[in-house]
């Protein structure tokens, strides 16, 4: 099982949560950013249907792969 950490950080004149190198939208307060991160982390743990997904990788290439809807990560919120 993979592990995903949501970190609450100052960003763009406010607060955001960050996963890896990706920032969420900016929130006016730390508490608002934390609440959004908690909600997002809970949603990420919910099992879904297995499906084919398509995304663009860091090289700008489009990739199609099968996503197992039951293989959900362990998540946490820090900050």
N, C-alpha and C. Protein backbone atom coordinates (compact mmCIF):
# COMPACT_ATOMS: atom_id res chain seq x y z
N UNK A 1 0.84 -1.17 0.00
CA UNK A 1 0.00 0.00 0.00
C UNK A 1 0.90 1.24 0.00
N UNK A 2 0.54 2.22 -0.80
CA UNK A 2 1.31 3.45 -0.84
C UNK A 2 0.86 4.41 0.26
N UNK A 3 1.65 5.42 0.50
CA UNK A 3 1.37 6.39 1.55
C UNK A 3 1.43 7.79 0.95
N UNK A 4 0.42 8.62 1.25
CA UNK A 4 0.36 9.98 0.74
C UNK A 4 0.26 10.93 1.93
N UNK A 5 1.15 11.93 1.94
CA UNK A 5 1.14 12.93 3.01
C UNK A 5 0.71 14.28 2.45
N UNK A 6 -0.30 14.86 3.07
CA UNK A 6 -0.76 16.21 2.76
C UNK A 6 -0.10 17.14 3.77
N UNK A 7 0.67 18.11 3.28
CA UNK A 7 1.37 19.05 4.18
C UNK A 7 0.74 20.43 4.04
N UNK A 8 0.44 21.06 5.18
CA UNK A 8 -0.11 22.40 5.18
C UNK A 8 1.06 23.37 5.13
N UNK A 9 1.05 24.28 4.13
CA UNK A 9 2.17 25.21 3.92
C UNK A 9 1.64 26.60 3.57
N UNK A 10 2.47 27.61 3.84
CA UNK A 10 2.14 28.95 3.37
C UNK A 10 2.36 28.97 1.86
N UNK A 11 1.41 29.61 1.16
CA UNK A 11 1.50 29.60 -0.30
C UNK A 11 0.72 30.76 -0.89
N UNK A 12 1.35 31.51 -1.76
CA UNK A 12 0.70 32.54 -2.56
C UNK A 12 -0.12 33.52 -1.72
N UNK A 13 0.44 33.96 -0.60
CA UNK A 13 -0.24 34.93 0.25
C UNK A 13 -1.27 34.34 1.20
N UNK A 14 -1.33 33.04 1.29
CA UNK A 14 -2.29 32.37 2.18
C UNK A 14 -1.74 31.02 2.59
N UNK A 15 -2.62 30.04 2.64
CA UNK A 15 -2.26 28.68 3.04
C UNK A 15 -2.78 27.69 2.01
N UNK A 16 -2.08 26.59 1.86
CA UNK A 16 -2.47 25.54 0.93
C UNK A 16 -2.04 24.20 1.52
N UNK A 17 -2.53 23.14 0.91
CA UNK A 17 -1.95 21.83 1.23
C UNK A 17 -1.14 21.41 0.02
N UNK A 18 -0.11 20.65 0.29
CA UNK A 18 0.82 20.23 -0.74
C UNK A 18 0.99 18.72 -0.68
N UNK A 19 0.90 18.09 -1.84
CA UNK A 19 1.16 16.65 -1.96
C UNK A 19 2.28 16.51 -2.99
N UNK A 20 3.42 16.04 -2.52
CA UNK A 20 4.59 15.99 -3.40
C UNK A 20 4.97 17.41 -3.76
N UNK A 21 5.02 17.71 -5.07
CA UNK A 21 5.35 19.05 -5.54
C UNK A 21 4.11 19.84 -5.97
N UNK A 22 2.93 19.31 -5.71
CA UNK A 22 1.69 19.92 -6.18
C UNK A 22 0.96 20.63 -5.05
N UNK A 23 0.59 21.90 -5.30
CA UNK A 23 -0.14 22.69 -4.33
C UNK A 23 -1.64 22.67 -4.63
N UNK A 24 -2.44 22.76 -3.58
CA UNK A 24 -3.87 22.97 -3.74
C UNK A 24 -4.12 24.44 -4.07
N UNK A 25 -5.37 24.80 -4.18
CA UNK A 25 -5.71 26.21 -4.27
C UNK A 25 -5.31 26.89 -2.95
N UNK A 26 -5.25 28.19 -2.95
CA UNK A 26 -4.86 28.94 -1.76
C UNK A 26 -6.09 29.22 -0.90
N UNK A 27 -5.92 29.04 0.41
CA UNK A 27 -6.98 29.30 1.38
C UNK A 27 -6.57 30.48 2.25
N UNK A 28 -7.55 31.19 2.78
CA UNK A 28 -7.29 32.38 3.59
C UNK A 28 -6.67 32.06 4.94
N UNK A 29 -6.93 30.87 5.47
CA UNK A 29 -6.41 30.53 6.80
C UNK A 29 -5.82 29.13 6.81
N UNK A 30 -4.98 28.91 7.81
CA UNK A 30 -4.39 27.60 8.03
C UNK A 30 -5.49 26.57 8.29
N UNK A 31 -6.47 26.94 9.12
CA UNK A 31 -7.56 26.02 9.45
C UNK A 31 -8.36 25.61 8.23
N UNK A 32 -8.60 26.54 7.31
CA UNK A 32 -9.35 26.22 6.09
C UNK A 32 -8.55 25.27 5.20
N UNK A 33 -7.24 25.51 5.09
CA UNK A 33 -6.39 24.63 4.29
C UNK A 33 -6.33 23.24 4.91
N UNK A 34 -6.24 23.18 6.23
CA UNK A 34 -6.20 21.89 6.92
C UNK A 34 -7.50 21.13 6.73
N UNK A 35 -8.63 21.82 6.86
CA UNK A 35 -9.93 21.16 6.67
C UNK A 35 -10.06 20.60 5.26
N UNK A 36 -9.60 21.36 4.27
CA UNK A 36 -9.65 20.88 2.89
C UNK A 36 -8.73 19.68 2.69
N UNK A 37 -7.56 19.70 3.31
CA UNK A 37 -6.63 18.57 3.20
C UNK A 37 -7.20 17.33 3.86
N UNK A 38 -7.83 17.48 5.01
CA UNK A 38 -8.45 16.34 5.69
C UNK A 38 -9.55 15.75 4.81
N UNK A 39 -10.38 16.60 4.22
CA UNK A 39 -11.45 16.12 3.35
C UNK A 39 -10.88 15.39 2.13
N UNK A 40 -9.86 15.98 1.50
CA UNK A 40 -9.25 15.34 0.32
C UNK A 40 -8.60 14.02 0.68
N UNK A 41 -7.94 13.95 1.83
CA UNK A 41 -7.27 12.71 2.22
C UNK A 41 -8.29 11.61 2.51
N UNK A 42 -9.41 11.98 3.10
CA UNK A 42 -10.47 10.98 3.35
C UNK A 42 -11.04 10.45 2.05
N UNK A 43 -11.28 11.36 1.10
CA UNK A 43 -11.84 10.94 -0.19
C UNK A 43 -10.87 10.03 -0.93
N UNK A 44 -9.59 10.27 -0.79
CA UNK A 44 -8.61 9.46 -1.50
C UNK A 44 -8.58 8.02 -1.00
N UNK A 45 -8.99 7.80 0.24
CA UNK A 45 -8.98 6.45 0.82
C UNK A 45 -10.22 5.63 0.45
N UNK A 46 -11.24 6.27 -0.12
CA UNK A 46 -12.48 5.58 -0.43
C UNK A 46 -12.30 4.72 -1.69
N UNK A 47 -12.65 3.46 -1.57
CA UNK A 47 -12.54 2.55 -2.72
C UNK A 47 -13.53 2.96 -3.81
N UNK A 48 -13.17 2.68 -5.04
CA UNK A 48 -13.99 3.02 -6.19
C UNK A 48 -13.96 1.85 -7.16
N UNK A 49 -14.51 2.05 -8.33
CA UNK A 49 -14.50 1.01 -9.34
C UNK A 49 -13.15 0.98 -10.05
N UNK A 50 -12.73 -0.19 -10.48
CA UNK A 50 -11.55 -0.30 -11.31
C UNK A 50 -11.87 0.31 -12.66
N UNK A 51 -10.95 1.12 -13.19
CA UNK A 51 -11.22 1.83 -14.43
C UNK A 51 -9.91 2.09 -15.18
N UNK A 52 -10.04 2.44 -16.44
CA UNK A 52 -8.90 2.87 -17.23
C UNK A 52 -8.79 4.37 -17.07
N UNK A 53 -7.59 4.86 -16.77
CA UNK A 53 -7.37 6.29 -16.61
C UNK A 53 -6.31 6.76 -17.60
N UNK A 54 -6.37 8.05 -17.91
CA UNK A 54 -5.40 8.64 -18.83
C UNK A 54 -4.84 9.90 -18.17
N UNK A 55 -3.52 10.07 -18.25
CA UNK A 55 -2.89 11.24 -17.66
C UNK A 55 -1.63 11.58 -18.44
N UNK A 56 -1.18 12.83 -18.27
CA UNK A 56 0.04 13.28 -18.92
C UNK A 56 1.20 13.14 -17.94
N UNK A 57 2.28 12.47 -18.36
CA UNK A 57 3.43 12.29 -17.47
C UNK A 57 4.36 13.51 -17.55
N UNK A 58 5.43 13.49 -16.78
CA UNK A 58 6.34 14.63 -16.71
C UNK A 58 7.08 14.89 -18.02
N UNK A 59 7.09 13.93 -18.93
CA UNK A 59 7.72 14.11 -20.25
C UNK A 59 6.74 14.66 -21.28
N UNK A 60 5.49 14.94 -20.85
CA UNK A 60 4.48 15.46 -21.76
C UNK A 60 3.80 14.40 -22.60
N UNK A 61 4.01 13.14 -22.26
CA UNK A 61 3.39 12.03 -23.00
C UNK A 61 2.12 11.59 -22.29
N UNK A 62 1.11 11.23 -23.06
CA UNK A 62 -0.14 10.73 -22.48
C UNK A 62 -0.03 9.23 -22.24
N UNK A 63 -0.44 8.81 -21.06
CA UNK A 63 -0.33 7.42 -20.62
C UNK A 63 -1.73 6.92 -20.28
N UNK A 64 -2.06 5.71 -20.71
CA UNK A 64 -3.31 5.07 -20.35
C UNK A 64 -2.96 3.84 -19.52
N UNK A 65 -3.60 3.72 -18.35
CA UNK A 65 -3.33 2.54 -17.52
C UNK A 65 -4.58 2.17 -16.72
N UNK A 66 -4.58 0.94 -16.26
CA UNK A 66 -5.68 0.41 -15.46
C UNK A 66 -5.45 0.82 -14.01
N UNK A 67 -6.45 1.42 -13.40
CA UNK A 67 -6.37 1.82 -12.00
C UNK A 67 -7.29 0.92 -11.17
N UNK A 68 -6.69 0.20 -10.26
CA UNK A 68 -7.46 -0.67 -9.37
C UNK A 68 -8.16 0.20 -8.34
N UNK A 69 -9.46 0.26 -8.38
CA UNK A 69 -10.23 1.11 -7.50
C UNK A 69 -10.22 0.68 -6.05
N UNK A 70 -9.66 -0.50 -5.76
CA UNK A 70 -9.63 -0.97 -4.38
C UNK A 70 -8.25 -0.83 -3.75
N UNK A 71 -7.27 -0.41 -4.54
CA UNK A 71 -5.91 -0.25 -4.07
C UNK A 71 -5.71 1.21 -3.64
N UNK A 72 -6.22 1.55 -2.49
CA UNK A 72 -6.21 2.93 -2.01
C UNK A 72 -5.03 3.18 -1.07
N UNK A 73 -4.46 4.37 -1.11
CA UNK A 73 -3.30 4.65 -0.26
C UNK A 73 -3.68 4.95 1.18
N UNK A 74 -2.72 4.82 2.03
CA UNK A 74 -2.82 5.29 3.40
C UNK A 74 -2.51 6.79 3.33
N UNK A 75 -3.27 7.62 4.04
CA UNK A 75 -3.05 9.07 3.96
C UNK A 75 -2.89 9.68 5.34
N UNK A 76 -2.21 10.83 5.39
CA UNK A 76 -2.10 11.59 6.62
C UNK A 76 -2.01 13.08 6.28
N UNK A 77 -2.35 13.92 7.25
CA UNK A 77 -2.24 15.37 7.10
C UNK A 77 -1.26 15.86 8.15
N UNK A 78 -0.28 16.65 7.72
CA UNK A 78 0.69 17.22 8.66
C UNK A 78 0.62 18.74 8.60
N UNK A 79 0.64 19.34 9.77
CA UNK A 79 0.66 20.80 9.84
C UNK A 79 -0.61 21.41 10.31
